[in-house]
Amino acid sequence: MKPIAVTNLLLVLLILCGQSLLAAPVAYSGKVAINGLNVDGSVQMRFALRDDNGTVR
C-alpha cells in the first residue's frame, strides 16, 4: 500500500475507535430508594454484571 493510504486507514480506524469509547447514558425509569426513602435528585450509581456465583465480570 502507498504510505498515504496506510495513513488514511489508520486515521479512519482511530476515529471509529474513539467514537466507540463515548458511552451513552443508561436510561432508567423506575424507583430508587435508599433506606426506604425515594431518591429525588442526582445520584451516582455503579453497576456490575455478575455471574451465577456472584463474581463480577
PDB file of N, CA and C in Angstrom:
ATOM      1  N   MET A   1       0.839  -1.189   0.000  1.00  0.00           N
ATOM      2  CA  MET A   1       0.000   0.000   0.000  1.00  0.00           C
ATOM      3  C   MET A   1       0.877   1.243   0.000  1.00  0.00           C
ATOM      4  N   LYS A   2       0.324   2.287  -0.517  1.00  0.00           N
ATOM      5  CA  LYS A   2       1.041   3.552  -0.508  1.00  0.00           C
ATOM      6  C   LYS A   2       1.012   4.122   0.911  1.00  0.00           C
ATOM      7  N   PRO A   3       2.045   4.865   1.293  1.00  0.00           N
ATOM      8  CA  PRO A   3       2.081   5.444   2.643  1.00  0.00           C
ATOM      9  C   PRO A   3       0.862   6.315   2.961  1.00  0.00           C
ATOM     10  N   ILE A   4       0.355   7.043   1.977  1.00  0.00           N
ATOM     11  CA  ILE A   4      -0.820   7.900   2.203  1.00  0.00           C
ATOM     12  C   ILE A   4      -2.041   7.040   2.512  1.00  0.00           C
ATOM     13  N   ALA A   5      -2.200   5.925   1.803  1.00  0.00           N
ATOM     14  CA  ALA A   5      -3.344   5.037   2.027  1.00  0.00           C
ATOM     15  C   ALA A   5      -3.282   4.433   3.428  1.00  0.00           C
ATOM     16  N   VAL A   6      -2.097   4.044   3.862  1.00  0.00           N
ATOM     17  CA  VAL A   6      -1.932   3.480   5.204  1.00  0.00           C
ATOM     18  C   VAL A   6      -2.256   4.533   6.254  1.00  0.00           C
ATOM     19  N   THR A   7      -1.788   5.743   6.053  1.00  0.00           N
ATOM     20  CA  THR A   7      -2.067   6.835   6.988  1.00  0.00           C
ATOM     21  C   THR A   7      -3.562   7.110   7.059  1.00  0.00           C
ATOM     22  N   ASN A   8      -4.223   7.153   5.921  1.00  0.00           N
ATOM     23  CA  ASN A   8      -5.671   7.388   5.902  1.00  0.00           C
ATOM     24  C   ASN A   8      -6.425   6.261   6.600  1.00  0.00           C
ATOM     25  N   LEU A   9      -6.016   5.035   6.368  1.00  0.00           N
ATOM     26  CA  LEU A   9      -6.657   3.897   7.010  1.00  0.00           C
ATOM     27  C   LEU A   9      -6.502   3.971   8.526  1.00  0.00           C
ATOM     28  N   LEU A  10      -5.314   4.273   8.991  1.00  0.00           N
ATOM     29  CA  LEU A  10      -5.081   4.396  10.430  1.00  0.00           C
ATOM     30  C   LEU A  10      -5.892   5.538  11.032  1.00  0.00           C
ATOM     31  N   LEU A  11      -6.012   6.634  10.312  1.00  0.00           N
ATOM     32  CA  LEU A  11      -6.793   7.773  10.787  1.00  0.00           C
ATOM     33  C   LEU A  11      -8.271   7.405  10.920  1.00  0.00           C
ATOM     34  N   VAL A  12      -8.811   6.713   9.938  1.00  0.00           N
ATOM     35  CA  VAL A  12     -10.214   6.292   9.993  1.00  0.00           C
ATOM     36  C   VAL A  12     -10.436   5.326  11.158  1.00  0.00           C
ATOM     37  N   LEU A  13      -9.538   4.373  11.335  1.00  0.00           N
ATOM     38  CA  LEU A  13      -9.661   3.425  12.444  1.00  0.00           C
ATOM     39  C   LEU A  13      -9.586   4.131  13.790  1.00  0.00           C
ATOM     40  N   LEU A  14      -8.711   5.105  13.914  1.00  0.00           N
ATOM     41  CA  LEU A  14      -8.577   5.865  15.157  1.00  0.00           C
ATOM     42  C   LEU A  14      -9.860   6.623  15.470  1.00  0.00           C
ATOM     43  N   ILE A  15     -10.450   7.232  14.467  1.00  0.00           N
ATOM     44  CA  ILE A  15     -11.701   7.982  14.667  1.00  0.00           C
ATOM     45  C   ILE A  15     -12.828   7.036  15.076  1.00  0.00           C
ATOM     46  N   LEU A  16     -12.948   5.895  14.402  1.00  0.00           N
ATOM     47  CA  LEU A  16     -14.013   4.948  14.728  1.00  0.00           C
ATOM     48  C   LEU A  16     -13.845   4.370  16.127  1.00  0.00           C
ATOM     49  N   CYS A  17     -12.624   4.050  16.509  1.00  0.00           N
ATOM     50  CA  CYS A  17     -12.376   3.512  17.849  1.00  0.00           C
ATOM     51  C   CYS A  17     -12.641   4.571  18.911  1.00  0.00           C
ATOM     52  N   GLY A  18     -12.281   5.796  18.636  1.00  0.00           N
ATOM     53  CA  GLY A  18     -12.511   6.881  19.590  1.00  0.00           C
ATOM     54  C   GLY A  18     -13.983   7.118  19.831  1.00  0.00           C
ATOM     55  N   GLN A  19     -14.797   7.009  18.802  1.00  0.00           N
ATOM     56  CA  GLN A  19     -16.235   7.214  18.957  1.00  0.00           C
ATOM     57  C   GLN A  19     -16.871   6.101  19.776  1.00  0.00           C
ATOM     58  N   SER A  20     -16.335   4.902  19.698  1.00  0.00           N
ATOM     59  CA  SER A  20     -16.921   3.795  20.450  1.00  0.00           C
ATOM     60  C   SER A  20     -16.634   3.913  21.941  1.00  0.00           C
ATOM     61  N   LEU A  21     -15.677   4.742  22.332  1.00  0.00           N
ATOM     62  CA  LEU A  21     -15.358   4.925  23.744  1.00  0.00           C
ATOM     63  C   LEU A  21     -16.325   5.867  24.444  1.00  0.00           C
ATOM     64  N   LEU A  22     -17.112   6.612  23.678  1.00  0.00           N
ATOM     65  CA  LEU A  22     -18.076   7.525  24.276  1.00  0.00           C
ATOM     66  C   LEU A  22     -19.315   6.728  24.666  1.00  0.00           C
ATOM     67  N   ALA A  23     -19.514   6.545  25.963  1.00  0.00           N
ATOM     68  CA  ALA A  23     -20.632   5.736  26.439  1.00  0.00           C
ATOM     69  C   ALA A  23     -21.909   6.560  26.496  1.00  0.00           C
ATOM     70  N   ALA A  24     -22.982   5.952  26.070  1.00  0.00           N
ATOM     71  CA  ALA A  24     -24.292   6.599  26.158  1.00  0.00           C
ATOM     72  C   ALA A  24     -24.842   6.403  27.570  1.00  0.00           C
ATOM     73  N   PRO A  25     -25.567   7.375  28.088  1.00  0.00           N
ATOM     74  CA  PRO A  25     -26.151   7.214  29.424  1.00  0.00           C
ATOM     75  C   PRO A  25     -27.200   6.102  29.435  1.00  0.00           C
ATOM     76  N   VAL A  26     -27.350   5.476  30.569  1.00  0.00           N
ATOM     77  CA  VAL A  26     -28.332   4.410  30.729  1.00  0.00           C
ATOM     78  C   VAL A  26     -29.656   5.034  31.141  1.00  0.00           C
ATOM     79  N   ALA A  27     -30.674   4.809  30.345  1.00  0.00           N
ATOM     80  CA  ALA A  27     -31.995   5.345  30.678  1.00  0.00           C
ATOM     81  C   ALA A  27     -32.602   4.509  31.799  1.00  0.00           C
ATOM     82  N   TYR A  28     -33.131   5.164  32.804  1.00  0.00           N
ATOM     83  CA  TYR A  28     -33.759   4.467  33.919  1.00  0.00           C
ATOM     84  C   TYR A  28     -35.086   5.135  34.212  1.00  0.00           C
ATOM     85  N   SER A  29     -36.145   4.372  34.234  1.00  0.00           N
ATOM     86  CA  SER A  29     -37.459   4.942  34.525  1.00  0.00           C
ATOM     87  C   SER A  29     -38.153   4.074  35.566  1.00  0.00           C
ATOM     88  N   GLY A  30     -37.592   4.044  36.741  1.00  0.00           N
ATOM     89  CA  GLY A  30     -38.152   3.238  37.817  1.00  0.00           C
ATOM     90  C   GLY A  30     -38.007   3.956  39.141  1.00  0.00           C
ATOM     91  N   LYS A  31     -37.977   3.190  40.207  1.00  0.00           N
ATOM     92  CA  LYS A  31     -37.914   3.751  41.552  1.00  0.00           C
ATOM     93  C   LYS A  31     -36.582   3.371  42.185  1.00  0.00           C
ATOM     94  N   VAL A  32     -35.908   4.349  42.761  1.00  0.00           N
ATOM     95  CA  VAL A  32     -34.689   4.111  43.521  1.00  0.00           C
ATOM     96  C   VAL A  32     -34.954   4.572  44.941  1.00  0.00           C
ATOM     97  N   ALA A  33     -34.727   3.679  45.898  1.00  0.00           N
ATOM     98  CA  ALA A  33     -34.933   4.023  47.306  1.00  0.00           C
ATOM     99  C   ALA A  33     -33.669   3.693  48.088  1.00  0.00           C
ATOM    100  N   ILE A  34     -33.321   4.574  49.011  1.00  0.00           N
ATOM    101  CA  ILE A  34     -32.199   4.356  49.919  1.00  0.00           C
ATOM    102  C   ILE A  34     -32.755   4.437  51.331  1.00  0.00           C
ATOM    103  N   ASN A  35     -32.574   3.366  52.098  1.00  0.00           N
ATOM    104  CA  ASN A  35     -33.116   3.264  53.459  1.00  0.00           C
ATOM    105  C   ASN A  35     -34.618   3.518  53.472  1.00  0.00           C
ATOM    106  N   GLY A  36     -35.315   3.043  52.455  1.00  0.00           N
ATOM    107  CA  GLY A  36     -36.759   3.167  52.390  1.00  0.00           C
ATOM    108  C   GLY A  36     -37.283   4.505  51.903  1.00  0.00           C
ATOM    109  N   LEU A  37     -36.400   5.453  51.623  1.00  0.00           N
ATOM    110  CA  LEU A  37     -36.820   6.771  51.150  1.00  0.00           C
ATOM    111  C   LEU A  37     -36.522   6.897  49.662  1.00  0.00           C
ATOM    112  N   ASN A  38     -37.523   7.373  48.916  1.00  0.00           N
ATOM    113  CA  ASN A  38     -37.319   7.568  47.482  1.00  0.00           C
ATOM    114  C   ASN A  38     -36.252   8.624  47.238  1.00  0.00           C
ATOM    115  N   VAL A  39     -35.393   8.361  46.292  1.00  0.00           N
ATOM    116  CA  VAL A  39     -34.347   9.309  45.926  1.00  0.00           C
ATOM    117  C   VAL A  39     -34.942  10.325  44.964  1.00  0.00           C
ATOM    118  N   ASP A  40     -34.726  11.589  45.262  1.00  0.00           N
ATOM    119  CA  ASP A  40     -35.225  12.663  44.410  1.00  0.00           C
ATOM    120  C   ASP A  40     -34.054  13.590  44.119  1.00  0.00           C
ATOM    121  N   GLY A  41     -33.491  13.479  42.947  1.00  0.00           N
ATOM    122  CA  GLY A  41     -32.343  14.305  42.595  1.00  0.00           C
ATOM    123  C   GLY A  41     -31.278  13.474  41.909  1.00  0.00           C
ATOM    124  N   SER A  42     -30.098  14.031  41.845  1.00  0.00           N
ATOM    125  CA  SER A  42     -28.987  13.360  41.174  1.00  0.00           C
ATOM    126  C   SER A  42     -28.256  12.451  42.151  1.00  0.00           C
ATOM    127  N   VAL A  43     -27.897  11.282  41.677  1.00  0.00           N
ATOM    128  CA  VAL A  43     -27.111  10.343  42.473  1.00  0.00           C
ATOM    129  C   VAL A  43     -26.059   9.708  41.575  1.00  0.00           C
ATOM    130  N   GLN A  44     -25.020   9.197  42.187  1.00  0.00           N
ATOM    131  CA  GLN A  44     -24.010   8.449  41.445  1.00  0.00           C
ATOM    132  C   GLN A  44     -24.221   6.977  41.752  1.00  0.00           C
ATOM    133  N   MET A  45     -24.368   6.172  40.701  1.00  0.00           N
ATOM    134  CA  MET A  45     -24.577   4.738  40.875  1.00  0.00           C
ATOM    135  C   MET A  45     -23.504   3.978  40.118  1.00  0.00           C
ATOM    136  N   ARG A  46     -23.206   2.793  40.614  1.00  0.00           N
ATOM    137  CA  ARG A  46     -22.258   1.916  39.940  1.00  0.00           C
ATOM    138  C   ARG A  46     -22.952   0.577  39.719  1.00  0.00           C
ATOM    139  N   PHE A  47     -22.860   0.068  38.502  1.00  0.00           N
ATOM    140  CA  PHE A  47     -23.491  -1.187  38.136  1.00  0.00           C
ATOM    141  C   PHE A  47     -22.413  -2.222  37.837  1.00  0.00           C
ATOM    142  N   ALA A  48     -22.735  -3.470  38.082  1.00  0.00           N
ATOM    143  CA  ALA A  48     -21.801  -4.549  37.788  1.00  0.00           C
ATOM    144  C   ALA A  48     -22.574  -5.731  37.226  1.00  0.00           C
ATOM    145  N   LEU A  49     -21.957  -6.436  36.311  1.00  0.00           N
ATOM    146  CA  LEU A  49     -22.521  -7.679  35.787  1.00  0.00           C
ATOM    147  C   LEU A  49     -21.919  -8.825  36.585  1.00  0.00           C
ATOM    148  N   ARG A  50     -22.766  -9.676  37.126  1.00  0.00           N
ATOM    149  CA  ARG A  50     -22.311 -10.793  37.955  1.00  0.00           C
ATOM    150  C   ARG A  50     -22.793 -12.108  37.358  1.00  0.00           C
ATOM    151  N   ASP A  51     -21.985 -13.149  37.532  1.00  0.00           N
ATOM    152  CA  ASP A  51     -22.406 -14.465  37.073  1.00  0.00           C
ATOM    153  C   ASP A  51     -23.182 -15.161  38.193  1.00  0.00           C
ATOM    154  N   ASP A  52     -23.530 -16.435  38.004  1.00  0.00           N
ATOM    155  CA  ASP A  52     -24.322 -17.173  38.996  1.00  0.00           C
ATOM    156  C   ASP A  52     -23.623 -17.296  40.344  1.00  0.00           C
ATOM    157  N   ASN A  53     -22.304 -17.242  40.350  1.00  0.00           N
ATOM    158  CA  ASN A  53     -21.540 -17.346  41.594  1.00  0.00           C
ATOM    159  C   ASN A  53     -21.361 -16.007  42.289  1.00  0.00           C
ATOM    160  N   GLY A  54     -21.822 -14.933  41.669  1.00  0.00           N
ATOM    161  CA  GLY A  54     -21.665 -13.605  42.253  1.00  0.00           C
ATOM    162  C   GLY A  54     -20.365 -12.925  41.870  1.00  0.00           C
ATOM    163  N   THR A  55     -19.607 -13.540  40.978  1.00  0.00           N
ATOM    164  CA  THR A  55     -18.344 -12.960  40.535  1.00  0.00           C
ATOM    165  C   THR A  55     -18.619 -11.811  39.576  1.00  0.00           C
ATOM    166  N   VAL A  56     -17.983 -10.670  39.843  1.00  0.00           N
ATOM    167  CA  VAL A  56     -18.161  -9.502  38.980  1.00  0.00           C
ATOM    168  C   VAL A  56     -17.430  -9.742  37.679  1.00  0.00           C
ATOM    169  N   ARG A  57     -18.102  -9.501  36.579  1.00  0.00           N
ATOM    170  CA  ARG A  57     -17.499  -9.681  35.251  1.00  0.00           C
ATOM    171  C   ARG A  57     -17.322  -8.350  34.595  1.00  0.00           C
TER     172      ARG A  57
END
